[in-house]
N, C-alpha and C. Protein backbone atom coordinates (compact mmCIF):
# COMPACT_ATOMS: atom_id res chain seq x y z
N MET A 1 -5.02 18.26 -16.47
CA MET A 1 -4.88 17.86 -15.11
C MET A 1 -5.08 16.40 -14.89
N THR A 2 -5.97 15.80 -15.68
CA THR A 2 -6.20 14.32 -15.55
C THR A 2 -4.97 13.54 -15.93
N GLU A 3 -4.17 14.05 -16.93
CA GLU A 3 -2.96 13.36 -17.29
C GLU A 3 -1.97 13.32 -16.14
N LEU A 4 -2.00 14.34 -15.35
CA LEU A 4 -1.08 14.35 -14.15
C LEU A 4 -1.49 13.25 -13.17
N TYR A 5 -2.77 13.06 -13.02
CA TYR A 5 -3.25 11.98 -12.15
C TYR A 5 -2.85 10.58 -12.72
N GLY A 6 -2.88 10.41 -14.00
CA GLY A 6 -2.44 9.22 -14.62
C GLY A 6 -0.95 8.95 -14.36
N VAL A 7 -0.11 9.97 -14.45
CA VAL A 7 1.29 9.88 -14.23
C VAL A 7 1.55 9.54 -12.75
N ILE A 8 0.83 10.16 -11.87
CA ILE A 8 0.95 9.88 -10.44
C ILE A 8 0.55 8.44 -10.15
N ALA A 9 -0.48 7.94 -10.76
CA ALA A 9 -0.89 6.55 -10.57
C ALA A 9 0.14 5.58 -11.00
N VAL A 10 0.78 5.85 -12.14
CA VAL A 10 1.84 4.96 -12.63
C VAL A 10 3.06 5.04 -11.76
N ALA A 11 3.41 6.23 -11.31
CA ALA A 11 4.56 6.37 -10.37
C ALA A 11 4.33 5.65 -9.10
N GLU A 12 3.17 5.73 -8.55
CA GLU A 12 2.81 5.02 -7.30
C GLU A 12 2.89 3.51 -7.54
N THR A 13 2.49 3.06 -8.69
CA THR A 13 2.54 1.66 -9.00
C THR A 13 4.03 1.18 -9.08
N LEU A 14 4.88 2.00 -9.65
CA LEU A 14 6.28 1.65 -9.72
C LEU A 14 6.90 1.63 -8.31
N ILE A 15 6.53 2.49 -7.45
CA ILE A 15 7.01 2.48 -6.04
C ILE A 15 6.52 1.21 -5.37
N VAL A 16 5.32 0.78 -5.68
CA VAL A 16 4.82 -0.49 -5.09
C VAL A 16 5.69 -1.64 -5.54
N GLY A 17 6.13 -1.64 -6.80
CA GLY A 17 7.02 -2.67 -7.29
C GLY A 17 8.38 -2.71 -6.57
N ILE A 18 8.93 -1.53 -6.30
CA ILE A 18 10.16 -1.43 -5.55
C ILE A 18 9.98 -1.95 -4.12
N LEU A 19 8.85 -1.58 -3.47
CA LEU A 19 8.57 -2.03 -2.16
C LEU A 19 8.33 -3.54 -2.09
N LEU A 20 7.80 -4.12 -3.11
CA LEU A 20 7.63 -5.60 -3.14
C LEU A 20 8.98 -6.31 -3.14
N VAL A 21 9.94 -5.75 -3.80
CA VAL A 21 11.28 -6.30 -3.76
C VAL A 21 11.81 -6.20 -2.31
N ARG A 22 11.61 -5.07 -1.64
CA ARG A 22 12.01 -4.95 -0.25
C ARG A 22 11.26 -5.94 0.64
N LEU A 23 10.00 -6.12 0.35
CA LEU A 23 9.23 -7.10 1.09
C LEU A 23 9.79 -8.50 1.00
N ALA A 24 10.26 -8.84 -0.22
CA ALA A 24 10.75 -10.20 -0.43
C ALA A 24 12.13 -10.40 0.13
N LYS A 25 13.02 -9.34 0.10
CA LYS A 25 14.36 -9.48 0.53
C LYS A 25 14.71 -8.88 1.92
N GLY A 26 13.66 -8.40 2.65
CA GLY A 26 13.89 -7.75 3.90
C GLY A 26 14.80 -8.48 4.86
N PRO A 27 15.76 -7.81 5.48
CA PRO A 27 16.66 -8.54 6.35
C PRO A 27 16.01 -9.06 7.62
N SER A 28 14.95 -8.42 8.07
CA SER A 28 14.29 -8.93 9.24
C SER A 28 12.75 -8.95 9.02
N VAL A 29 12.06 -9.60 9.91
CA VAL A 29 10.58 -9.66 9.77
C VAL A 29 9.96 -8.30 10.00
N SER A 30 10.49 -7.55 10.91
CA SER A 30 9.89 -6.22 11.13
C SER A 30 10.08 -5.28 9.95
N ASP A 31 11.21 -5.41 9.24
CA ASP A 31 11.38 -4.66 7.97
C ASP A 31 10.40 -5.05 6.92
N ARG A 32 10.06 -6.34 6.86
CA ARG A 32 9.07 -6.76 5.90
C ARG A 32 7.68 -6.27 6.28
N VAL A 33 7.33 -6.19 7.57
CA VAL A 33 6.03 -5.60 7.97
C VAL A 33 5.95 -4.17 7.61
N VAL A 34 7.01 -3.42 7.82
CA VAL A 34 7.04 -2.00 7.40
C VAL A 34 6.91 -1.87 5.88
N ALA A 35 7.55 -2.73 5.11
CA ALA A 35 7.42 -2.73 3.68
C ALA A 35 5.98 -3.06 3.25
N LEU A 36 5.37 -4.04 3.96
CA LEU A 36 4.02 -4.39 3.62
C LEU A 36 3.04 -3.19 3.89
N ASN A 37 3.24 -2.51 5.00
CA ASN A 37 2.42 -1.36 5.32
C ASN A 37 2.61 -0.25 4.29
N ALA A 38 3.87 0.01 3.91
CA ALA A 38 4.13 1.06 2.93
C ALA A 38 3.60 0.67 1.55
N THR A 39 3.67 -0.60 1.22
CA THR A 39 3.08 -1.07 -0.07
C THR A 39 1.57 -0.80 -0.07
N SER A 40 0.89 -1.13 1.04
CA SER A 40 -0.55 -0.90 1.11
C SER A 40 -0.87 0.60 0.99
N THR A 41 -0.08 1.41 1.57
CA THR A 41 -0.31 2.88 1.56
C THR A 41 -0.11 3.36 0.13
N GLN A 42 0.95 2.95 -0.52
CA GLN A 42 1.20 3.35 -1.89
C GLN A 42 0.17 2.87 -2.87
N ALA A 43 -0.28 1.63 -2.60
CA ALA A 43 -1.38 1.08 -3.49
C ALA A 43 -2.64 1.89 -3.35
N THR A 44 -2.94 2.30 -2.08
CA THR A 44 -4.10 3.15 -1.89
C THR A 44 -3.96 4.49 -2.59
N LEU A 45 -2.82 5.08 -2.49
CA LEU A 45 -2.58 6.34 -3.22
C LEU A 45 -2.70 6.20 -4.70
N ALA A 46 -2.22 5.01 -5.23
CA ALA A 46 -2.33 4.78 -6.67
C ALA A 46 -3.81 4.65 -7.05
N LEU A 47 -4.58 4.02 -6.19
CA LEU A 47 -6.02 3.90 -6.52
C LEU A 47 -6.71 5.22 -6.50
N LEU A 48 -6.35 6.07 -5.52
CA LEU A 48 -6.95 7.42 -5.44
C LEU A 48 -6.61 8.23 -6.69
N ALA A 49 -5.32 8.17 -7.10
CA ALA A 49 -4.96 8.92 -8.28
C ALA A 49 -5.61 8.34 -9.52
N PHE A 50 -5.79 7.01 -9.59
CA PHE A 50 -6.45 6.42 -10.79
C PHE A 50 -7.92 6.78 -10.77
N ALA A 51 -8.54 6.88 -9.61
CA ALA A 51 -9.96 7.27 -9.52
C ALA A 51 -10.13 8.66 -10.09
N ALA A 52 -9.19 9.59 -9.76
CA ALA A 52 -9.26 10.95 -10.24
C ALA A 52 -9.01 10.97 -11.78
N PHE A 53 -8.06 10.11 -12.23
CA PHE A 53 -7.74 10.01 -13.64
C PHE A 53 -8.89 9.51 -14.48
N ALA A 54 -9.49 8.43 -14.00
CA ALA A 54 -10.57 7.81 -14.73
C ALA A 54 -11.92 8.47 -14.47
N ASP A 55 -12.00 9.37 -13.52
CA ASP A 55 -13.24 10.02 -13.12
C ASP A 55 -14.34 9.02 -12.74
N ARG A 56 -13.92 7.99 -11.97
CA ARG A 56 -14.82 6.97 -11.52
C ARG A 56 -14.78 6.94 -9.99
N SER A 57 -15.90 7.11 -9.36
CA SER A 57 -15.93 7.21 -7.90
C SER A 57 -15.92 5.80 -7.25
N ILE A 58 -16.17 4.71 -7.99
CA ILE A 58 -16.15 3.40 -7.45
C ILE A 58 -14.77 2.98 -6.94
N TYR A 59 -13.73 3.57 -7.60
CA TYR A 59 -12.37 3.28 -7.19
C TYR A 59 -12.02 3.93 -5.85
N LEU A 60 -12.75 4.97 -5.49
CA LEU A 60 -12.59 5.60 -4.15
C LEU A 60 -13.02 4.57 -3.05
N ASP A 61 -14.09 3.85 -3.29
CA ASP A 61 -14.52 2.88 -2.33
C ASP A 61 -13.47 1.76 -2.16
N VAL A 62 -12.91 1.34 -3.27
CA VAL A 62 -11.87 0.34 -3.22
C VAL A 62 -10.62 0.85 -2.40
N ALA A 63 -10.30 2.09 -2.64
CA ALA A 63 -9.18 2.70 -1.93
C ALA A 63 -9.42 2.76 -0.44
N ILE A 64 -10.65 3.11 -0.07
CA ILE A 64 -10.97 3.14 1.40
C ILE A 64 -10.92 1.79 1.99
N TRP A 65 -11.43 0.77 1.30
CA TRP A 65 -11.27 -0.58 1.87
C TRP A 65 -9.85 -1.05 1.94
N THR A 66 -9.08 -0.68 0.97
CA THR A 66 -7.66 -1.11 1.00
C THR A 66 -6.94 -0.46 2.13
N SER A 67 -7.18 0.80 2.37
CA SER A 67 -6.52 1.47 3.46
C SER A 67 -6.96 0.94 4.81
N SER A 68 -8.22 0.63 4.98
CA SER A 68 -8.71 0.09 6.25
C SER A 68 -8.16 -1.29 6.54
N PHE A 69 -8.15 -2.14 5.53
CA PHE A 69 -7.61 -3.52 5.74
C PHE A 69 -6.09 -3.54 5.91
N SER A 70 -5.42 -2.62 5.26
CA SER A 70 -3.96 -2.59 5.40
C SER A 70 -3.61 -2.16 6.85
N TYR A 71 -4.34 -1.27 7.40
CA TYR A 71 -4.14 -0.88 8.79
C TYR A 71 -4.39 -2.03 9.75
N LEU A 72 -5.45 -2.79 9.53
CA LEU A 72 -5.73 -3.91 10.36
C LEU A 72 -4.70 -5.01 10.19
N GLY A 73 -4.23 -5.23 8.96
CA GLY A 73 -3.19 -6.20 8.74
C GLY A 73 -1.87 -5.86 9.44
N THR A 74 -1.51 -4.62 9.47
CA THR A 74 -0.35 -4.23 10.17
C THR A 74 -0.46 -4.42 11.64
N LEU A 75 -1.64 -4.16 12.20
CA LEU A 75 -1.88 -4.42 13.62
C LEU A 75 -1.76 -5.91 13.95
N VAL A 76 -2.30 -6.75 13.06
CA VAL A 76 -2.27 -8.20 13.32
C VAL A 76 -0.84 -8.66 13.27
N TRP A 77 -0.05 -8.22 12.32
CA TRP A 77 1.40 -8.67 12.20
C TRP A 77 2.15 -8.13 13.41
N ALA A 78 1.94 -6.92 13.89
CA ALA A 78 2.62 -6.37 15.02
C ALA A 78 2.28 -7.20 16.29
N ARG A 79 1.04 -7.56 16.40
CA ARG A 79 0.63 -8.38 17.56
C ARG A 79 1.28 -9.75 17.54
N LEU A 80 1.34 -10.34 16.32
CA LEU A 80 1.98 -11.62 16.22
C LEU A 80 3.49 -11.55 16.51
N LEU A 81 4.15 -10.51 16.06
CA LEU A 81 5.58 -10.37 16.39
C LEU A 81 5.80 -10.12 17.86
N GLU A 82 4.89 -9.36 18.47
CA GLU A 82 5.00 -9.08 19.88
C GLU A 82 4.90 -10.39 20.69
N ARG A 83 4.03 -11.23 20.31
CA ARG A 83 3.86 -12.53 21.03
C ARG A 83 5.03 -13.45 20.80
N GLU A 84 5.60 -13.42 19.60
CA GLU A 84 6.75 -14.36 19.32
C GLU A 84 8.01 -13.85 19.90
N LEU A 85 8.20 -12.56 20.05
CA LEU A 85 9.44 -12.03 20.62
C LEU A 85 9.48 -12.06 22.12
N LEU A 86 8.30 -12.10 22.77
CA LEU A 86 8.30 -12.12 24.24
C LEU A 86 8.33 -13.48 24.73
């Protein structure tokens, strides 16, 4: 079962790589914000899978911090875009 968690962690990391390309090439700023939010979510899922794979609970704390800061970052970017578009 732990090998499955390792495969999931690697797959999530590959998805993060694809999303980083989308983040760099996004046609609009709002597409880039969505890609940044999705990247943060996938990185959190990769950390959770790696924590289960490595059987280390410290990575769960890192995943919780990553998810909370990614949410706040998305809110900040949305607020900035709202001010610039109005």
